[in-house]
Structures are given as structure tokens and as C-alpha cells.
Amino acid sequence: MFNLSQWLKESMISGVAKGQVSLAYVAIKAEEYLSRGIFTEADVQEIAERSVEPVDPVPSEEPPEEADEGDISG
């Protein structure tokens, strides 16, 4: 049988991890579902613990190589 709360939890957690939705949005929706009785406090706690936003890679500190004057490559 389809479990709505489980599906919502997994979708919210996955959405944050993939960068499709923000953690703030998920927190607001989780509170809304809690107040409607769709989620329990344990569900909201699980979402809070498992929702991790993706981290952008740190750009390299090295400046790009400059082409020599008169060099036509690139």
C-alpha cells in the first residue's frame, strides 16, 4: 500500500540533496505537513537530520595561465 508520508519524506530529502529544493523550503513544508497530521515529530526530525544541501566545489586558487604576447594558440 502507498505510504504518503514515507514518499514525501524521501522526496524532500532527495530534493535537497540534488539541489532541486532549498533546505528552508523543506523545513517550511515539513512543518505544514506536521500541523496537518501527515508527519509526526519523528518524521520531521528524520528529515532535518538527513537533508543535506549539496556543496559547490571550491574553485582553484591558481590564476589562469596568460597567453604570451604574439601567441595565437587558444
Protein backbone atom coordinates (compact mmCIF):
# COMPACT_ATOMS: atom_id res chain seq x y z
CA MET A 1 0.00 0.00 0.00
CA PHE A 2 1.19 3.50 -0.82
CA ASN A 3 2.62 5.40 2.18
CA LEU A 4 2.23 9.14 1.57
CA SER A 5 4.36 10.31 4.49
CA GLN A 6 7.25 8.00 3.54
CA TRP A 7 7.11 9.13 -0.09
CA LEU A 8 7.04 12.80 0.92
CA LYS A 9 9.98 12.33 3.30
CA GLU A 10 12.14 10.60 0.71
CA SER A 11 11.21 13.13 -1.98
CA MET A 12 12.04 16.08 0.27
CA ILE A 13 15.37 14.61 1.39
CA SER A 14 16.31 13.68 -2.17
CA GLY A 15 15.26 17.09 -3.49
CA VAL A 16 17.56 18.88 -1.06
CA ALA A 17 20.47 16.53 -1.77
CA LYS A 18 20.13 17.09 -5.52
CA GLY A 19 19.76 20.85 -5.14
CA GLN A 20 16.24 20.82 -6.58
CA VAL A 21 14.68 22.46 -3.50
CA SER A 22 16.16 24.51 -0.68
CA LEU A 23 16.51 23.31 2.87
CA ALA A 24 14.41 26.28 4.01
CA TYR A 25 11.53 25.25 1.71
CA VAL A 26 11.66 21.68 3.01
CA ALA A 27 11.60 22.93 6.60
CA ILE A 28 8.50 25.04 5.91
CA LYS A 29 6.71 22.18 4.15
CA ALA A 30 7.67 19.69 6.86
CA GLU A 31 6.12 21.98 9.49
CA GLU A 32 2.99 22.29 7.35
CA TYR A 33 2.71 18.50 7.00
CA LEU A 34 3.26 18.12 10.75
CA SER A 35 0.43 20.53 11.53
CA ARG A 36 -1.86 18.63 9.10
CA GLY A 37 -1.06 15.30 10.75
CA ILE A 38 0.73 13.88 7.70
CA PHE A 39 4.10 13.85 9.52
CA THR A 40 4.95 13.01 13.09
CA GLU A 41 7.63 14.84 15.04
CA ALA A 42 9.89 11.84 14.40
CA ASP A 43 9.35 12.28 10.64
CA VAL A 44 10.32 15.95 10.83
CA GLN A 45 13.39 15.07 12.91
CA GLU A 46 14.45 12.46 10.33
CA ILE A 47 14.07 14.98 7.51
CA ALA A 48 16.12 17.54 9.44
CA GLU A 49 18.91 15.04 10.10
CA ARG A 50 19.07 13.56 6.58
CA SER A 51 18.57 16.70 4.47
CA VAL A 52 21.99 17.94 3.42
CA GLU A 53 22.38 20.61 0.76
CA PRO A 54 24.98 19.90 -1.94
CA VAL A 55 28.26 21.74 -1.59
CA ASP A 56 29.70 23.58 -4.58
CA PRO A 57 33.32 22.62 -5.25
CA VAL A 58 35.83 25.20 -4.10
CA PRO A 59 37.37 26.97 -7.10
CA SER A 60 41.10 26.65 -7.58
CA GLU A 61 43.22 29.45 -6.13
CA GLU A 62 45.56 29.33 -9.10
CA PRO A 63 45.08 32.14 -11.63
CA PRO A 64 44.51 31.04 -15.24
CA GLU A 65 47.58 30.92 -17.40
CA GLU A 66 48.06 34.01 -19.54
CA ALA A 67 48.94 33.56 -23.20
CA ASP A 68 52.29 35.01 -24.27
CA GLU A 69 52.05 38.15 -26.39
CA GLY A 70 52.04 37.13 -30.01
CA ASP A 71 50.92 33.58 -29.18
CA ILE A 72 47.99 32.67 -31.43
CA SER A 73 47.03 29.44 -29.71
CA GLY A 74 43.73 29.41 -27.82
